[in-house]
PDB file of N, CA and C in Angstrom:
ATOM      1  N   MET A   1       0.919  -1.235  -0.038  1.00  0.00           N
ATOM      2  CA  MET A   1      -0.023  -0.036  -0.009  1.00  0.00           C
ATOM      3  C   MET A   1       0.911   1.284   0.026  1.00  0.00           C
ATOM      4  N   PHE A   2       0.323   2.294  -0.622  1.00  0.00           N
ATOM      5  CA  PHE A   2       1.058   3.586  -0.734  1.00  0.00           C
ATOM      6  C   PHE A   2       0.183   4.727  -0.382  1.00  0.00           C
ATOM      7  N   GLU A   3       0.618   5.504   0.680  1.00  0.00           N
ATOM      8  CA  GLU A   3      -0.254   6.683   0.991  1.00  0.00           C
ATOM      9  C   GLU A   3       0.115   7.893   0.160  1.00  0.00           C
ATOM     10  N   HIS A   4      -0.907   8.426  -0.516  1.00  0.00           N
ATOM     11  CA  HIS A   4      -0.641   9.594  -1.423  1.00  0.00           C
ATOM     12  C   HIS A   4      -1.505  10.732  -0.909  1.00  0.00           C
ATOM     13  N   PHE A   5      -0.871  11.993  -0.892  1.00  0.00           N
ATOM     14  CA  PHE A   5      -1.458  13.193  -0.449  1.00  0.00           C
ATOM     15  C   PHE A   5      -1.859  13.990  -1.675  1.00  0.00           C
ATOM     16  N   PHE A   6      -3.024  14.606  -1.668  1.00  0.00           N
ATOM     17  CA  PHE A   6      -3.439  15.376  -2.764  1.00  0.00           C
ATOM     18  C   PHE A   6      -4.553  16.338  -2.369  1.00  0.00           C
ATOM     19  N   GLN A   7      -4.923  17.278  -3.142  1.00  0.00           N
ATOM     20  CA  GLN A   7      -6.001  18.321  -2.855  1.00  0.00           C
ATOM     21  C   GLN A   7      -7.262  17.858  -3.443  1.00  0.00           C
ATOM     22  N   CYS A   8      -8.296  17.881  -2.621  1.00  0.00           N
ATOM     23  CA  CYS A   8      -9.599  17.461  -2.993  1.00  0.00           C
ATOM     24  C   CYS A   8     -10.133  18.513  -4.029  1.00  0.00           C
ATOM     25  N   PRO A   9     -10.683  18.001  -5.171  1.00  0.00           N
ATOM     26  CA  PRO A   9     -11.159  18.954  -6.229  1.00  0.00           C
ATOM     27  C   PRO A   9     -12.403  19.593  -5.802  1.00  0.00           C
ATOM     28  N   HIS A  10     -13.133  19.218  -4.735  1.00  0.00           N
ATOM     29  CA  HIS A  10     -14.342  19.915  -4.368  1.00  0.00           C
ATOM     30  C   HIS A  10     -14.076  20.940  -3.227  1.00  0.00           C
ATOM     31  N   CYS A  11     -13.363  20.508  -2.130  1.00  0.00           N
ATOM     32  CA  CYS A  11     -13.257  21.398  -0.998  1.00  0.00           C
ATOM     33  C   CYS A  11     -11.780  22.144  -0.858  1.00  0.00           C
ATOM     34  N   TRP A  12     -10.867  21.627  -1.735  1.00  0.00           N
ATOM     35  CA  TRP A  12      -9.539  21.989  -1.837  1.00  0.00           C
ATOM     36  C   TRP A  12      -8.705  21.768  -0.591  1.00  0.00           C
ATOM     37  N   GLU A  13      -9.166  20.877   0.344  1.00  0.00           N
ATOM     38  CA  GLU A  13      -8.388  20.539   1.431  1.00  0.00           C
ATOM     39  C   GLU A  13      -7.396  19.404   1.088  1.00  0.00           C
ATOM     40  N   GLU A  14      -6.232  19.415   1.752  1.00  0.00           N
ATOM     41  CA  GLU A  14      -5.273  18.307   1.490  1.00  0.00           C
ATOM     42  C   GLU A  14      -5.801  17.013   2.140  1.00  0.00           C
ATOM     43  N   ILE A  15      -5.913  15.949   1.467  1.00  0.00           N
ATOM     44  CA  ILE A  15      -6.361  14.691   1.929  1.00  0.00           C
ATOM     45  C   ILE A  15      -5.348  13.631   1.546  1.00  0.00           C
ATOM     46  N   SER A  16      -5.494  12.444   2.181  1.00  0.00           N
ATOM     47  CA  SER A  16      -4.670  11.296   1.712  1.00  0.00           C
ATOM     48  C   SER A  16      -5.482  10.102   1.532  1.00  0.00           C
ATOM     49  N   MET A  17      -5.060   9.194   0.676  1.00  0.00           N
ATOM     50  CA  MET A  17      -5.686   7.929   0.345  1.00  0.00           C
ATOM     51  C   MET A  17      -4.649   6.872   0.235  1.00  0.00           C
ATOM     52  N   LEU A  18      -4.972   5.657   0.664  1.00  0.00           N
ATOM     53  CA  LEU A  18      -4.106   4.579   0.499  1.00  0.00           C
ATOM     54  C   LEU A  18      -4.383   3.924  -0.879  1.00  0.00           C
ATOM     55  N   LEU A  19      -3.304   3.747  -1.621  1.00  0.00           N
ATOM     56  CA  LEU A  19      -3.423   3.230  -2.972  1.00  0.00           C
ATOM     57  C   LEU A  19      -2.670   1.803  -3.020  1.00  0.00           C
ATOM     58  N   ASP A  20      -3.350   0.879  -3.750  1.00  0.00           N
ATOM     59  CA  ASP A  20      -2.744  -0.428  -3.910  1.00  0.00           C
ATOM     60  C   ASP A  20      -1.799  -0.550  -4.995  1.00  0.00           C
ATOM     61  N   THR A  21      -0.469  -0.636  -4.652  1.00  0.00           N
ATOM     62  CA  THR A  21       0.597  -0.733  -5.528  1.00  0.00           C
ATOM     63  C   THR A  21       0.619  -2.059  -6.311  1.00  0.00           C
ATOM     64  N   SER A  22      -0.042  -3.095  -5.891  1.00  0.00           N
ATOM     65  CA  SER A  22      -0.090  -4.354  -6.657  1.00  0.00           C
ATOM     66  C   SER A  22      -0.994  -4.349  -7.889  1.00  0.00           C
ATOM     67  N   VAL A  23      -1.795  -3.359  -8.105  1.00  0.00           N
ATOM     68  CA  VAL A  23      -2.635  -3.195  -9.256  1.00  0.00           C
ATOM     69  C   VAL A  23      -1.980  -2.171 -10.170  1.00  0.00           C
ATOM     70  N   ARG A  24      -1.596  -2.429 -11.407  1.00  0.00           N
ATOM     71  CA  ARG A  24      -0.901  -1.564 -12.181  1.00  0.00           C
ATOM     72  C   ARG A  24      -1.729  -0.250 -12.546  1.00  0.00           C
ATOM     73  N   ARG A  25      -2.929  -0.498 -13.009  1.00  0.00           N
ATOM     74  CA  ARG A  25      -3.835   0.588 -13.451  1.00  0.00           C
ATOM     75  C   ARG A  25      -5.143   0.454 -12.667  1.00  0.00           C
ATOM     76  N   GLN A  26      -5.577   1.634 -12.054  1.00  0.00           N
ATOM     77  CA  GLN A  26      -6.809   1.620 -11.333  1.00  0.00           C
ATOM     78  C   GLN A  26      -7.584   2.913 -11.642  1.00  0.00           C
ATOM     79  N   LYS A  27      -8.915   2.723 -11.804  1.00  0.00           N
ATOM     80  CA  LYS A  27      -9.822   3.878 -11.976  1.00  0.00           C
ATOM     81  C   LYS A  27     -10.970   3.561 -11.164  1.00  0.00           C
ATOM     82  N   TYR A  28     -11.341   4.414 -10.180  1.00  0.00           N
ATOM     83  CA  TYR A  28     -12.425   4.201  -9.234  1.00  0.00           C
ATOM     84  C   TYR A  28     -12.829   5.450  -8.653  1.00  0.00           C
ATOM     85  N   ILE A  29     -14.011   5.458  -7.863  1.00  0.00           N
ATOM     86  CA  ILE A  29     -14.537   6.544  -7.161  1.00  0.00           C
ATOM     87  C   ILE A  29     -14.433   6.392  -5.700  1.00  0.00           C
ATOM     88  N   GLU A  30     -13.964   7.454  -5.064  1.00  0.00           N
ATOM     89  CA  GLU A  30     -13.846   7.380  -3.560  1.00  0.00           C
ATOM     90  C   GLU A  30     -14.370   8.708  -3.015  1.00  0.00           C
ATOM     91  N   ASP A  31     -14.969   8.647  -1.842  1.00  0.00           N
ATOM     92  CA  ASP A  31     -15.386  10.016  -1.285  1.00  0.00           C
ATOM     93  C   ASP A  31     -14.290  10.744  -0.500  1.00  0.00           C
ATOM     94  N   CYS A  32     -14.402  12.053  -0.621  1.00  0.00           N
ATOM     95  CA  CYS A  32     -13.549  12.854   0.225  1.00  0.00           C
ATOM     96  C   CYS A  32     -13.627  12.613   1.703  1.00  0.00           C
ATOM     97  N   GLU A  33     -12.630  12.423   2.465  1.00  0.00           N
ATOM     98  CA  GLU A  33     -12.782  12.175   3.904  1.00  0.00           C
ATOM     99  C   GLU A  33     -13.184  13.452   4.698  1.00  0.00           C
ATOM    100  N   ILE A  34     -13.165  14.628   4.015  1.00  0.00           N
ATOM    101  CA  ILE A  34     -13.529  15.887   4.703  1.00  0.00           C
ATOM    102  C   ILE A  34     -14.949  16.302   4.247  1.00  0.00           C
ATOM    103  N   CYS A  35     -15.157  16.441   2.993  1.00  0.00           N
ATOM    104  CA  CYS A  35     -16.470  17.003   2.448  1.00  0.00           C
ATOM    105  C   CYS A  35     -17.409  15.893   1.919  1.00  0.00           C
ATOM    106  N   CYS A  36     -16.934  14.724   1.909  1.00  0.00           N
ATOM    107  CA  CYS A  36     -17.822  13.553   1.516  1.00  0.00           C
ATOM    108  C   CYS A  36     -18.247  13.540   0.013  1.00  0.00           C
ATOM    109  N   ASN A  37     -17.757  14.453  -0.754  1.00  0.00           N
ATOM    110  CA  ASN A  37     -18.106  14.455  -2.182  1.00  0.00           C
ATOM    111  C   ASN A  37     -17.274  13.350  -2.960  1.00  0.00           C
ATOM    112  N   PRO A  38     -17.818  12.899  -4.031  1.00  0.00           N
ATOM    113  CA  PRO A  38     -17.148  11.804  -4.786  1.00  0.00           C
ATOM    114  C   PRO A  38     -15.945  12.301  -5.650  1.00  0.00           C
ATOM    115  N   ILE A  39     -14.914  11.590  -5.685  1.00  0.00           N
ATOM    116  CA  ILE A  39     -13.727  11.898  -6.525  1.00  0.00           C
ATOM    117  C   ILE A  39     -13.429  10.749  -7.362  1.00  0.00           C
ATOM    118  N   GLU A  40     -13.180  10.942  -8.635  1.00  0.00           N
ATOM    119  CA  GLU A  40     -12.891   9.984  -9.482  1.00  0.00           C
ATOM    120  C   GLU A  40     -11.301   9.894  -9.457  1.00  0.00           C
ATOM    121  N   LEU A  41     -10.756   8.738  -9.139  1.00  0.00           N
ATOM    122  CA  LEU A  41      -9.239   8.578  -9.059  1.00  0.00           C
ATOM    123  C   LEU A  41      -8.777   7.777 -10.260  1.00  0.00           C
ATOM    124  N   ASP A  42      -7.688   8.108 -10.936  1.00  0.00           N
ATOM    125  CA  ASP A  42      -7.121   7.317 -12.002  1.00  0.00           C
ATOM    126  C   ASP A  42      -5.630   7.244 -11.669  1.00  0.00           C
ATOM    127  N   VAL A  43      -5.175   5.995 -11.399  1.00  0.00           N
ATOM    128  CA  VAL A  43      -3.843   5.849 -10.722  1.00  0.00           C
ATOM    129  C   VAL A  43      -3.123   4.779 -11.593  1.00  0.00           C
ATOM    130  N   THR A  44      -1.804   4.982 -11.882  1.00  0.00           N
ATOM    131  CA  THR A  44      -0.947   4.009 -12.598  1.00  0.00           C
ATOM    132  C   THR A  44       0.309   3.825 -11.771  1.00  0.00           C
ATOM    133  N   PHE A  45       0.591   2.546 -11.509  1.00  0.00           N
ATOM    134  CA  PHE A  45       1.892   2.180 -10.972  1.00  0.00           C
ATOM    135  C   PHE A  45       2.717   1.369 -11.851  1.00  0.00           C
ATOM    136  N   GLU A  46       3.936   1.454 -11.758  1.00  0.00           N
ATOM    137  CA  GLU A  46       5.089   0.629 -12.473  1.00  0.00           C
ATOM    138  C   GLU A  46       6.029   0.155 -11.585  1.00  0.00           C
ATOM    139  N   ASP A  47       6.189  -1.142 -11.440  1.00  0.00           N
ATOM    140  CA  ASP A  47       7.076  -1.741 -10.506  1.00  0.00           C
ATOM    141  C   ASP A  47       6.991  -1.054  -9.006  1.00  0.00           C
ATOM    142  N   GLY A  48       5.776  -0.937  -8.643  1.00  0.00           N
ATOM    143  CA  GLY A  48       5.520  -0.358  -7.270  1.00  0.00           C
ATOM    144  C   GLY A  48       5.735   1.105  -7.167  1.00  0.00           C
ATOM    145  N   GLU A  49       6.032   1.803  -8.219  1.00  0.00           N
ATOM    146  CA  GLU A  49       6.168   3.240  -8.145  1.00  0.00           C
ATOM    147  C   GLU A  49       5.080   3.978  -8.844  1.00  0.00           C
ATOM    148  N   LEU A  50       4.569   4.982  -8.130  1.00  0.00           N
ATOM    149  CA  LEU A  50       3.500   5.804  -8.720  1.00  0.00           C
ATOM    150  C   LEU A  50       3.904   6.612 -10.019  1.00  0.00           C
ATOM    151  N   MET A  51       3.350   6.208 -11.138  1.00  0.00           N
ATOM    152  CA  MET A  51       3.713   6.897 -12.452  1.00  0.00           C
ATOM    153  C   MET A  51       2.726   8.039 -12.836  1.00  0.00           C
ATOM    154  N   ALA A  52       1.425   7.811 -12.456  1.00  0.00           N
ATOM    155  CA  ALA A  52       0.396   8.829 -12.900  1.00  0.00           C
ATOM    156  C   ALA A  52      -0.677   8.832 -11.769  1.00  0.00           C
ATOM    157  N   PHE A  53      -1.232  10.076 -11.553  1.00  0.00           N
ATOM    158  CA  PHE A  53      -2.310  10.150 -10.587  1.00  0.00           C
ATOM    159  C   PHE A  53      -3.194  11.375 -11.020  1.00  0.00           C
ATOM    160  N   SER A  54      -4.421  11.110 -11.015  1.00  0.00           N
ATOM    161  CA  SER A  54      -5.365  12.226 -11.229  1.00  0.00           C
ATOM    162  C   SER A  54      -6.629  12.103 -10.315  1.00  0.00           C
ATOM    163  N   ALA A  55      -7.040  13.141  -9.810  1.00  0.00           N
ATOM    164  CA  ALA A  55      -8.266  13.242  -8.917  1.00  0.00           C
ATOM    165  C   ALA A  55      -9.203  14.167  -9.486  1.00  0.00           C
ATOM    166  N   GLU A  56     -10.367  13.795  -9.939  1.00  0.00           N
ATOM    167  CA  GLU A  56     -11.217  14.739 -10.695  1.00  0.00           C
ATOM    168  C   GLU A  56     -12.627  14.735  -9.938  1.00  0.00           C
ATOM    169  N   SER A  57     -13.258  15.922  -9.911  1.00  0.00           N
ATOM    170  CA  SER A  57     -14.554  15.982  -9.178  1.00  0.00           C
ATOM    171  C   SER A  57     -15.562  15.336 -10.073  1.00  0.00           C
ATOM    172  N   ILE A  58     -16.600  14.800  -9.463  1.00  0.00           N
ATOM    173  CA  ILE A  58     -17.749  14.177 -10.064  1.00  0.00           C
ATOM    174  C   ILE A  58     -18.959  15.093  -9.735  1.00  0.00           C
ATOM    175  N   GLU A  59     -19.585  15.695 -10.672  1.00  0.00           N
ATOM    176  CA  GLU A  59     -20.813  16.480 -10.450  1.00  0.00           C
ATOM    177  C   GLU A  59     -21.877  15.630  -9.935  1.00  0.00           C
ATOM    178  N   GLN A  60     -22.673  16.158  -8.909  1.00  0.00           N
ATOM    179  CA  GLN A  60     -23.781  15.370  -8.402  1.00  0.00           C
ATOM    180  C   GLN A  60     -25.123  15.907  -8.913  1.00  0.00           C
TER     181      GLN A  60
END
């Protein structure tokens, strides 16, 4: 597991999420731990190293 810190695209607070390094490419939705709004995460790992990360807001 890998802890990654980033800014929520809804409330702009810095949050962290645990990312699974054993899965090369991941795209899923997770709620912000502060404002509870959904965030679409797109994550790519290569040999356990984070290669790409994006966190986009999802309109409700």
